[in-house]
Amino acid sequence: MAIKKTPAKKVEVAPQVQVAPIKAAIPTKPSWEIKDRIYYLTGNKSPLTLTIPSRHTRKHALLWFDELTGKQREIRYATNQDSPLVDEQKGECTMGHIQFKDGDLRVPKQMQNLQKLLSLYHPLRDKMYTEYSAVLEAEDELDTLDLQIDALNYARDMEVDQAEAIMRVEIGSAVSLMSSKELRRDLLLFAKNNPILFIELANDNNVQLRNVAIRAAEASIIMLSQDQRTFTWGSNGRKLMTVPFDENPYSAMAAYFKTDEGVEVFRSIEKNLN
């Protein structure tokens, strides 16, 4: 007797969804923007006129290294050519001068050859001159404002003695004749106008020690000899220290205050000043 085979059950498989491979995003090269551009000399220089090299010579090498080809390419400013690269220039060239006036050079958008020479190829870019950028200018201004705020907050909460020490560096002995309000006002103005220097002086312990020495000399607690080589006690003339050769006497006294012997002298002077 034949045995009937039961047919195998068909298993339905869900259709597979094919996922397209994700392609990595290819960074796009920023496009050259056609606009008016301003270039200015670095280092706060603003001579009446300043001419920078506009063509390659033995004295001034105007070469640009092309990383794609690995070759040096000569550059020059030809007023009748579209490209500043010599190997892309054709026919007779009319050479032009690159001249800054009163510290800056304004190049209109129509002069694309000069703009590209200055912005992309010239070896003096970011050394002798730089291109004005509104974004970078805003960043610099923001950093300056942050510094000013920090310096002003520091100055507002500063003790009078430390304020006097800092202002003595700025205006000298005239600080002794100032009222407390005048001192506070000038300190805040100094912090606002020169925040970097103010913060450096505020964190410099030697500035305060120098001020103590100067105040002690003004009060005749200590005496400095006429040749500015020796400090003595004002009360009995006993010698305190000899100023090293070619050194500011009050800077030397500030350093002396940090020695084991000088610490006791400093404490005694502070008591007499108070």
C-alpha atoms as a PDB file:
ATOM      1  CA  MET A   1       0.000   0.000   0.000  1.00  0.00           C
ATOM      2  CA  ALA A   2       1.498   3.338  -1.097  1.00  0.00           C
ATOM      3  CA  ILE A   3       2.029   5.983   1.590  1.00  0.00           C
ATOM      4  CA  LYS A   4       0.923   9.473   0.647  1.00  0.00           C
ATOM      5  CA  LYS A   5       3.404  12.236   1.397  1.00  0.00           C
ATOM      6  CA  THR A   6       1.982  15.363   2.941  1.00  0.00           C
ATOM      7  CA  PRO A   7       3.048  18.434   0.987  1.00  0.00           C
ATOM      8  CA  ALA A   8       5.479  20.734   2.789  1.00  0.00           C
ATOM      9  CA  LYS A   9       4.014  23.958   4.125  1.00  0.00           C
ATOM     10  CA  LYS A  10       5.077  27.082   2.351  1.00  0.00           C
ATOM     11  CA  VAL A  11       6.534  29.673   4.673  1.00  0.00           C
ATOM     12  CA  GLU A  12       5.896  33.197   3.559  1.00  0.00           C
ATOM     13  CA  VAL A  13       8.866  35.471   3.914  1.00  0.00           C
ATOM     14  CA  ALA A  14       8.341  39.193   4.227  1.00  0.00           C
ATOM     15  CA  PRO A  15       9.894  41.079   1.334  1.00  0.00           C
ATOM     16  CA  GLN A  16      13.328  42.481   2.196  1.00  0.00           C
ATOM     17  CA  VAL A  17      13.603  46.228   2.034  1.00  0.00           C
ATOM     18  CA  GLN A  18      16.825  47.259   0.392  1.00  0.00           C
ATOM     19  CA  VAL A  19      18.492  50.144   2.165  1.00  0.00           C
ATOM     20  CA  ALA A  20      20.611  52.357   0.012  1.00  0.00           C
ATOM     21  CA  PRO A  21      24.129  52.822   1.386  1.00  0.00           C
ATOM     22  CA  ILE A  22      24.672  56.122   3.126  1.00  0.00           C
ATOM     23  CA  LYS A  23      27.188  58.237   1.301  1.00  0.00           C
ATOM     24  CA  ALA A  24      29.593  60.268   3.352  1.00  0.00           C
ATOM     25  CA  ALA A  25      29.063  63.974   2.982  1.00  0.00           C
ATOM     26  CA  ILE A  26      31.753  65.491   0.821  1.00  0.00           C
ATOM     27  CA  PRO A  27      32.894  68.842   2.195  1.00  0.00           C
ATOM     28  CA  THR A  28      32.409  71.591  -0.310  1.00  0.00           C
ATOM     29  CA  LYS A  29      35.118  74.131  -0.936  1.00  0.00           C
ATOM     30  CA  PRO A  30      33.991  77.605   0.080  1.00  0.00           C
ATOM     31  CA  SER A  31      33.264  79.676  -2.972  1.00  0.00           C
ATOM     32  CA  TRP A  32      35.038  82.926  -3.684  1.00  0.00           C
ATOM     33  CA  GLU A  33      32.736  85.788  -2.781  1.00  0.00           C
ATOM     34  CA  ILE A  34      32.684  88.770  -5.103  1.00  0.00           C
ATOM     35  CA  LYS A  35      32.584  91.865  -2.925  1.00  0.00           C
ATOM     36  CA  ASP A  36      34.512  94.996  -2.026  1.00  0.00           C
ATOM     37  CA  ARG A  37      37.446  94.185   0.268  1.00  0.00           C
ATOM     38  CA  ILE A  38      39.576  96.163   2.701  1.00  0.00           C
ATOM     39  CA  TYR A  39      43.144  95.303   3.677  1.00  0.00           C
ATOM     40  CA  TYR A  40      45.002  96.978   6.521  1.00  0.00           C
ATOM     41  CA  LEU A  41      48.556  96.915   7.825  1.00  0.00           C
ATOM     42  CA  THR A  42      49.220  94.887  10.957  1.00  0.00           C
ATOM     43  CA  GLY A  43      50.923  96.168  14.103  1.00  0.00           C
ATOM     44  CA  ASN A  44      48.965  99.438  14.333  1.00  0.00           C
ATOM     45  CA  LYS A  45      51.004 100.913  11.476  1.00  0.00           C
ATOM     46  CA  SER A  46      49.512 103.741   9.446  1.00  0.00           C
ATOM     47  CA  PRO A  47      52.204 105.398   7.306  1.00  0.00           C
ATOM     48  CA  LEU A  48      51.140 107.963   4.745  1.00  0.00           C
ATOM     49  CA  THR A  49      51.965 105.505   1.929  1.00  0.00           C
ATOM     50  CA  LEU A  50      53.464 102.025   1.869  1.00  0.00           C
ATOM     51  CA  THR A  51      54.091  99.998  -1.297  1.00  0.00           C
ATOM     52  CA  ILE A  52      54.430  96.221  -1.125  1.00  0.00           C
ATOM     53  CA  PRO A  53      55.982  94.052  -3.883  1.00  0.00           C
ATOM     54  CA  SER A  54      53.690  93.353  -6.842  1.00  0.00           C
ATOM     55  CA  ARG A  55      55.972  91.129  -8.936  1.00  0.00           C
ATOM     56  CA  HIS A  56      58.628  88.454  -8.427  1.00  0.00           C
ATOM     57  CA  THR A  57      62.239  89.711  -8.241  1.00  0.00           C
ATOM     58  CA  ARG A  58      65.510  88.537  -6.716  1.00  0.00           C
ATOM     59  CA  LYS A  59      64.981  90.895  -3.806  1.00  0.00           C
ATOM     60  CA  HIS A  60      61.297  90.083  -3.245  1.00  0.00           C
ATOM     61  CA  ALA A  61      60.238  86.524  -4.016  1.00  0.00           C
ATOM     62  CA  LEU A  62      56.568  86.410  -4.999  1.00  0.00           C
ATOM     63  CA  LEU A  63      55.948  82.692  -5.262  1.00  0.00           C
ATOM     64  CA  TRP A  64      52.940  80.586  -4.286  1.00  0.00           C
ATOM     65  CA  PHE A  65      53.248  76.871  -3.548  1.00  0.00           C
ATOM     66  CA  ASP A  66      50.525  74.854  -5.300  1.00  0.00           C
ATOM     67  CA  GLU A  67      49.906  71.760  -3.160  1.00  0.00           C
ATOM     68  CA  LEU A  68      48.006  70.002  -5.955  1.00  0.00           C
ATOM     69  CA  THR A  69      50.944  70.085  -8.346  1.00  0.00           C
ATOM     70  CA  GLY A  70      53.723  70.394  -5.768  1.00  0.00           C
ATOM     71  CA  LYS A  71      55.231  73.332  -7.636  1.00  0.00           C
ATOM     72  CA  GLN A  72      56.074  76.946  -6.911  1.00  0.00           C
ATOM     73  CA  ARG A  73      54.082  79.306  -9.112  1.00  0.00           C
ATOM     74  CA  GLU A  74      55.100  82.881  -9.793  1.00  0.00           C
ATOM     75  CA  ILE A  75      52.585  85.633  -9.044  1.00  0.00           C
ATOM     76  CA  ARG A  76      52.353  89.272 -10.112  1.00  0.00           C
ATOM     77  CA  TYR A  77      49.813  92.075 -10.310  1.00  0.00           C
ATOM     78  CA  ALA A  78      49.014  92.798 -13.941  1.00  0.00           C
ATOM     79  CA  THR A  79      46.151  95.256 -14.281  1.00  0.00           C
ATOM     80  CA  ASN A  80      45.041  93.859 -17.665  1.00  0.00           C
ATOM     81  CA  GLN A  81      44.976  90.169 -16.636  1.00  0.00           C
ATOM     82  CA  ASP A  82      42.243  88.182 -14.881  1.00  0.00           C
ATOM     83  CA  SER A  83      44.591  85.926 -12.909  1.00  0.00           C
ATOM     84  CA  PRO A  84      47.486  86.868 -10.605  1.00  0.00           C
ATOM     85  CA  LEU A  85      49.303  83.629 -11.563  1.00  0.00           C
ATOM     86  CA  VAL A  86      51.926  84.288 -14.236  1.00  0.00           C
ATOM     87  CA  ASP A  87      51.421  80.935 -15.977  1.00  0.00           C
ATOM     88  CA  GLU A  88      47.747  81.799 -16.504  1.00  0.00           C
ATOM     89  CA  GLN A  89      48.415  85.240 -17.927  1.00  0.00           C
ATOM     90  CA  LYS A  90      48.472  85.700 -21.692  1.00  0.00           C
ATOM     91  CA  GLY A  91      49.801  88.404 -23.950  1.00  0.00           C
ATOM     92  CA  GLU A  92      51.386  91.687 -22.971  1.00  0.00           C
ATOM     93  CA  CYS A  93      51.014  92.594 -19.276  1.00  0.00           C
ATOM     94  CA  THR A  94      50.539  96.033 -17.756  1.00  0.00           C
ATOM     95  CA  MET A  95      52.109  95.988 -14.312  1.00  0.00           C
ATOM     96  CA  GLY A  96      50.438  97.785 -11.412  1.00  0.00           C
ATOM     97  CA  HIS A  97      51.539  99.023  -7.963  1.00  0.00           C
ATOM     98  CA  ILE A  98      50.086  97.816  -4.642  1.00  0.00           C
ATOM     99  CA  GLN A  99      50.052 100.818  -2.335  1.00  0.00           C
ATOM    100  CA  PHE A 100      48.529 101.242   1.128  1.00  0.00           C
ATOM    101  CA  LYS A 101      47.478 104.758   2.111  1.00  0.00           C
ATOM    102  CA  ASP A 102      47.108 105.764   5.765  1.00  0.00           C
ATOM    103  CA  GLY A 103      47.418 102.119   6.781  1.00  0.00           C
ATOM    104  CA  ASP A 104      44.792 100.503   4.557  1.00  0.00           C
ATOM    105  CA  LEU A 105      43.990  99.547   0.974  1.00  0.00           C
ATOM    106  CA  ARG A 106      40.428  99.420  -0.370  1.00  0.00           C
ATOM    107  CA  VAL A 107      39.962  97.193  -3.415  1.00  0.00           C
ATOM    108  CA  PRO A 108      36.589  97.310  -5.221  1.00  0.00           C
ATOM    109  CA  LYS A 109      34.926  94.110  -6.432  1.00  0.00           C
ATOM    110  CA  GLN A 110      35.739  94.956 -10.045  1.00  0.00           C
ATOM    111  CA  MET A 111      39.462  94.353  -9.353  1.00  0.00           C
ATOM    112  CA  GLN A 112      39.253  90.597  -8.806  1.00  0.00           C
ATOM    113  CA  ASN A 113      42.849  89.960  -9.893  1.00  0.00           C
ATOM    114  CA  LEU A 114      44.242  92.243  -7.172  1.00  0.00           C
ATOM    115  CA  GLN A 115      41.822  90.893  -4.551  1.00  0.00           C
ATOM    116  CA  LYS A 116      42.841  87.290  -5.221  1.00  0.00           C
ATOM    117  CA  LEU A 117      46.518  88.235  -5.223  1.00  0.00           C
ATOM    118  CA  LEU A 118      46.172  89.857  -1.802  1.00  0.00           C
ATOM    119  CA  SER A 119      43.685  87.397  -0.239  1.00  0.00           C
ATOM    120  CA  LEU A 120      44.993  84.080  -1.578  1.00  0.00           C
ATOM    121  CA  TYR A 121      48.553  84.233  -2.858  1.00  0.00           C
ATOM    122  CA  HIS A 122      50.697  87.086  -1.545  1.00  0.00           C
ATOM    123  CA  PRO A 123      53.433  85.889   0.890  1.00  0.00           C
ATOM    124  CA  LEU A 124      53.058  89.016   3.067  1.00  0.00           C
ATOM    125  CA  ARG A 125      49.411  88.225   3.866  1.00  0.00           C
ATOM    126  CA  ASP A 126      48.887  88.003   7.668  1.00  0.00           C
ATOM    127  CA  LYS A 127      52.494  89.161   8.144  1.00  0.00           C
ATOM    128  CA  MET A 128      52.570  92.755   6.956  1.00  0.00           C
ATOM    129  CA  TYR A 129      48.873  93.151   6.210  1.00  0.00           C
ATOM    130  CA  THR A 130      45.583  91.313   6.733  1.00  0.00           C
ATOM    131  CA  GLU A 131      42.113  91.358   5.237  1.00  0.00           C
ATOM    132  CA  TYR A 132      39.282  92.942   7.161  1.00  0.00           C
ATOM    133  CA  SER A 133      36.716  90.389   8.360  1.00  0.00           C
ATOM    134  CA  ALA A 134      33.510  91.462  10.084  1.00  0.00           C
ATOM    135  CA  VAL A 135      33.304  88.080  11.866  1.00  0.00           C
ATOM    136  CA  LEU A 136      36.873  88.227  13.195  1.00  0.00           C
ATOM    137  CA  GLU A 137      36.402  91.877  14.122  1.00  0.00           C
ATOM    138  CA  ALA A 138      33.293  90.953  16.137  1.00  0.00           C
ATOM    139  CA  GLU A 139      35.189  88.129  17.872  1.00  0.00           C
ATOM    140  CA  ASP A 140      38.028  90.494  18.802  1.00  0.00           C
ATOM    141  CA  GLU A 141      35.583  93.094  20.103  1.00  0.00           C
ATOM    142  CA  LEU A 142      33.772  90.432  22.152  1.00  0.00           C
ATOM    143  CA  ASP A 143      37.055  89.265  23.691  1.00  0.00           C
ATOM    144  CA  THR A 144      37.939  92.877  24.523  1.00  0.00           C
ATOM    145  CA  LEU A 145      34.545  93.495  26.115  1.00  0.00           C
ATOM    146  CA  ASP A 146      34.869  90.335  28.227  1.00  0.00           C
ATOM    147  CA  LEU A 147      38.302  91.477  29.405  1.00  0.00           C
ATOM    148  CA  GLN A 148      36.973  94.936  30.221  1.00  0.00           C
ATOM    149  CA  ILE A 149      34.114  93.474  32.261  1.00  0.00           C
ATOM    150  CA  ASP A 150      36.490  91.211  34.211  1.00  0.00           C
ATOM    151  CA  ALA A 151      38.912  94.083  34.820  1.00  0.00           C
ATOM    152  CA  LEU A 152      36.152  96.509  35.906  1.00  0.00           C
ATOM    153  CA  ASN A 153      34.666  93.974  38.318  1.00  0.00           C
ATOM    154  CA  TYR A 154      38.131  93.339  39.740  1.00  0.00           C
ATOM    155  CA  ALA A 155      38.797  97.082  40.080  1.00  0.00           C
ATOM    156  CA  ARG A 156      35.423  97.777  41.736  1.00  0.00           C
ATOM    157  CA  ASP A 157      36.054  95.280  44.547  1.00  0.00           C
ATOM    158  CA  MET A 158      39.743  96.077  44.996  1.00  0.00           C
ATOM    159  CA  GLU A 159      41.195  97.237  48.322  1.00  0.00           C
ATOM    160  CA  VAL A 160      42.496 100.790  48.484  1.00  0.00           C
ATOM    161  CA  ASP A 161      46.116  99.764  49.099  1.00  0.00           C
ATOM    162  CA  GLN A 162      46.188  97.515  46.044  1.00  0.00           C
ATOM    163  CA  ALA A 163      44.453 100.176  43.953  1.00  0.00           C
ATOM    164  CA  GLU A 164      47.086 102.690  45.011  1.00  0.00           C
ATOM    165  CA  ALA A 165      49.876 100.253  44.104  1.00  0.00           C
ATOM    166  CA  ILE A 166      48.508  99.755  40.597  1.00  0.00           C
ATOM    167  CA  MET A 167      47.866 103.441  39.961  1.00  0.00           C
ATOM    168  CA  ARG A 168      51.344 104.317  41.194  1.00  0.00           C
ATOM    169  CA  VAL A 169      52.730 102.243  38.321  1.00  0.00           C
ATOM    170  CA  GLU A 170      50.470 104.157  35.911  1.00  0.00           C
ATOM    171  CA  ILE A 171      50.813 107.767  37.124  1.00  0.00           C
ATOM    172  CA  GLY A 172      53.720 107.717  39.591  1.00  0.00           C
ATOM    173  CA  SER A 173      53.960 109.704  42.840  1.00  0.00           C
ATOM    174  CA  ALA A 174      50.926 111.855  41.940  1.00  0.00           C
ATOM    175  CA  VAL A 175      48.774 109.071  43.386  1.00  0.00           C
ATOM    176  CA  SER A 176      49.723 110.238  46.885  1.00  0.00           C
ATOM    177  CA  LEU A 177      47.819 113.513  46.327  1.00  0.00           C
ATOM    178  CA  MET A 178      44.598 111.864  45.082  1.00  0.00           C
ATOM    179  CA  SER A 179      41.431 111.458  47.116  1.00  0.00           C
ATOM    180  CA  SER A 180      39.873 108.006  47.442  1.00  0.00           C
ATOM    181  CA  LYS A 181      37.157 108.868  44.888  1.00  0.00           C
ATOM    182  CA  GLU A 182      39.725 110.173  42.407  1.00  0.00           C
ATOM    183  CA  LEU A 183      41.727 107.011  42.916  1.00  0.00           C
ATOM    184  CA  ARG A 184      38.668 104.801  42.317  1.00  0.00           C
ATOM    185  CA  ARG A 185      37.668 106.742  39.228  1.00  0.00           C
ATOM    186  CA  ASP A 186      41.134 106.570  37.657  1.00  0.00           C
ATOM    187  CA  LEU A 187      41.442 102.901  38.561  1.00  0.00           C
ATOM    188  CA  LEU A 188      38.175 102.055  36.783  1.00  0.00           C
ATOM    189  CA  LEU A 189      39.210 104.089  33.740  1.00  0.00           C
ATOM    190  CA  PHE A 190      42.576 102.341  33.658  1.00  0.00           C
ATOM    191  CA  ALA A 191      40.869  98.934  33.912  1.00  0.00           C
ATOM    192  CA  LYS A 192      38.513  99.840  31.059  1.00  0.00           C
ATOM    193  CA  ASN A 193      41.128 101.345  28.725  1.00  0.00           C
ATOM    194  CA  ASN A 194      43.888  98.790  29.318  1.00  0.00           C
ATOM    195  CA  PRO A 195      42.314  95.638  30.811  1.00  0.00           C
ATOM    196  CA  ILE A 196      45.200  93.292  29.969  1.00  0.00           C
ATOM    197  CA  LEU A 197      47.841  95.414  31.705  1.00  0.00           C
ATOM    198  CA  PHE A 198      45.501  96.087  34.630  1.00  0.00           C
ATOM    199  CA  ILE A 199      44.910  92.360  35.254  1.00  0.00           C
ATOM    200  CA  GLU A 200      48.650  91.651  34.963  1.00  0.00           C
ATOM    201  CA  LEU A 201      49.458  94.339  37.550  1.00  0.00           C
ATOM    202  CA  ALA A 202      46.635  93.197  39.828  1.00  0.00           C
ATOM    203  CA  ASN A 203      48.090  89.684  39.894  1.00  0.00           C
ATOM    204  CA  ASP A 204      51.687  90.861  40.339  1.00  0.00           C
ATOM    205  CA  ASN A 205      52.641  90.686  43.998  1.00  0.00           C
ATOM    206  CA  ASN A 206      55.803  92.726  43.379  1.00  0.00           C
ATOM    207  CA  VAL A 207      53.669  95.745  42.439  1.00  0.00           C
ATOM    208  CA  GLN A 208      52.156  95.848  45.912  1.00  0.00           C
ATOM    209  CA  LEU A 209      55.509  95.309  47.624  1.00  0.00           C
ATOM    210  CA  ARG A 210      57.034  98.129  45.552  1.00  0.00           C
ATOM    211  CA  ASN A 211      54.210 100.405  46.644  1.00  0.00           C
ATOM    212  CA  VAL A 212      54.872  99.618  50.309  1.00  0.00           C
ATOM    213  CA  ALA A 213      58.527 100.509  49.817  1.00  0.00           C
ATOM    214  CA  ILE A 214      57.672 103.791  48.077  1.00  0.00           C
ATOM    215  CA  ARG A 215      55.125 104.761  50.742  1.00  0.00           C
ATOM    216  CA  ALA A 216      57.654 103.943  53.468  1.00  0.00           C
ATOM    217  CA  ALA A 217      60.232 106.173  51.782  1.00  0.00           C
ATOM    218  CA  GLU A 218      57.689 108.996  51.395  1.00  0.00           C
ATOM    219  CA  ALA A 219      56.863 108.676  55.116  1.00  0.00           C
ATOM    220  CA  SER A 220      60.610 108.655  55.994  1.00  0.00           C
ATOM    221  CA  ILE A 221      60.267 105.236  57.631  1.00  0.00           C
ATOM    222  CA  ILE A 222      63.110 104.112  55.382  1.00  0.00           C
ATOM    223  CA  MET A 223      65.641 106.293  53.578  1.00  0.00           C
ATOM    224  CA  LEU A 224      67.231 105.881  50.151  1.00  0.00           C
ATOM    225  CA  SER A 225      70.705 107.332  49.698  1.00  0.00           C
ATOM    226  CA  GLN A 226      71.327 110.016  47.084  1.00  0.00           C
ATOM    227  CA  ASP A 227      73.193 107.589  44.831  1.00  0.00           C
ATOM    228  CA  GLN A 228      70.165 105.257  45.163  1.00  0.00           C
ATOM    229  CA  ARG A 229      72.372 102.354  46.200  1.00  0.00           C
ATOM    230  CA  THR A 230      71.531 101.952  49.896  1.00  0.00           C
ATOM    231  CA  PHE A 231      68.369 101.719  52.033  1.00  0.00           C
ATOM    232  CA  THR A 232      68.553 102.595  55.725  1.00  0.00           C
ATOM    233  CA  TRP A 233      66.106 102.960  58.604  1.00  0.00           C
ATOM    234  CA  GLY A 234      64.887 106.527  58.887  1.00  0.00           C
ATOM    235  CA  SER A 235      64.904 106.446  62.687  1.00  0.00           C
ATOM    236  CA  ASN A 236      68.504 105.423  63.371  1.00  0.00           C
ATOM    237  CA  GLY A 237      70.250 105.259  59.981  1.00  0.00           C
ATOM    238  CA  ARG A 238      70.964 101.540  60.282  1.00  0.00           C
ATOM    239  CA  LYS A 239      71.606  99.934  56.909  1.00  0.00           C
ATOM    240  CA  LEU A 240      68.874  97.663  55.562  1.00  0.00           C
ATOM    241  CA  MET A 241      70.146  96.581  52.150  1.00  0.00           C
ATOM    242  CA  THR A 242      72.356  97.495  49.207  1.00  0.00           C
ATOM    243  CA  VAL A 243      70.651  97.894  45.837  1.00  0.00           C
ATOM    244  CA  PRO A 244      72.205  95.649  43.169  1.00  0.00           C
ATOM    245  CA  PHE A 245      73.910  97.503  40.326  1.00  0.00           C
ATOM    246  CA  ASP A 246      71.663  98.701  37.470  1.00  0.00           C
ATOM    247  CA  GLU A 247      68.422  97.731  39.234  1.00  0.00           C
ATOM    248  CA  ASN A 248      65.460  99.874  40.258  1.00  0.00           C
ATOM    249  CA  PRO A 249      65.834 100.472  44.022  1.00  0.00           C
ATOM    250  CA  TYR A 250      62.169  99.863  44.827  1.00  0.00           C
ATOM    251  CA  SER A 251      62.081  96.691  42.742  1.00  0.00           C
ATOM    252  CA  ALA A 252      65.142  95.544  44.691  1.00  0.00           C
ATOM    253  CA  MET A 253      63.417  96.366  47.974  1.00  0.00           C
ATOM    254  CA  ALA A 254      60.333  94.393  46.852  1.00  0.00           C
ATOM    255  CA  ALA A 255      62.576  91.371  46.219  1.00  0.00           C
ATOM    256  CA  TYR A 256      64.256  91.936  49.614  1.00  0.00           C
ATOM    257  CA  PHE A 257      60.864  91.818  51.354  1.00  0.00           C
ATOM    258  CA  LYS A 258      60.551  88.185  50.200  1.00  0.00           C
ATOM    259  CA  THR A 259      63.716  87.062  51.980  1.00  0.00           C
ATOM    260  CA  ASP A 260      63.741  85.730  55.551  1.00  0.00           C
ATOM    261  CA  GLU A 261      65.319  88.944  56.862  1.00  0.00           C
ATOM    262  CA  GLY A 262      63.159  91.146  54.656  1.00  0.00           C
ATOM    263  CA  VAL A 263      59.891  89.645  55.904  1.00  0.00           C
ATOM    264  CA  GLU A 264      60.534  91.060  59.382  1.00  0.00           C
ATOM    265  CA  VAL A 265      61.416  94.451  57.887  1.00  0.00           C
ATOM    266  CA  PHE A 266      58.219  94.383  55.825  1.00  0.00           C
ATOM    267  CA  ARG A 267      56.087  93.636  58.899  1.00  0.00           C
ATOM    268  CA  SER A 268      57.702  96.464  60.822  1.00  0.00           C
ATOM    269  CA  ILE A 269      57.131  98.911  57.945  1.00  0.00           C
ATOM    270  CA  GLU A 270      53.484  97.868  57.628  1.00  0.00           C
ATOM    271  CA  LYS A 271      52.907  98.542  61.333  1.00  0.00           C
ATOM    272  CA  ASN A 272      54.425 102.019  61.001  1.00  0.00           C
ATOM    273  CA  LEU A 273      52.371 102.796  57.880  1.00  0.00           C
ATOM    274  CA  ASN A 274      49.151 101.773  59.599  1.00  0.00           C
END
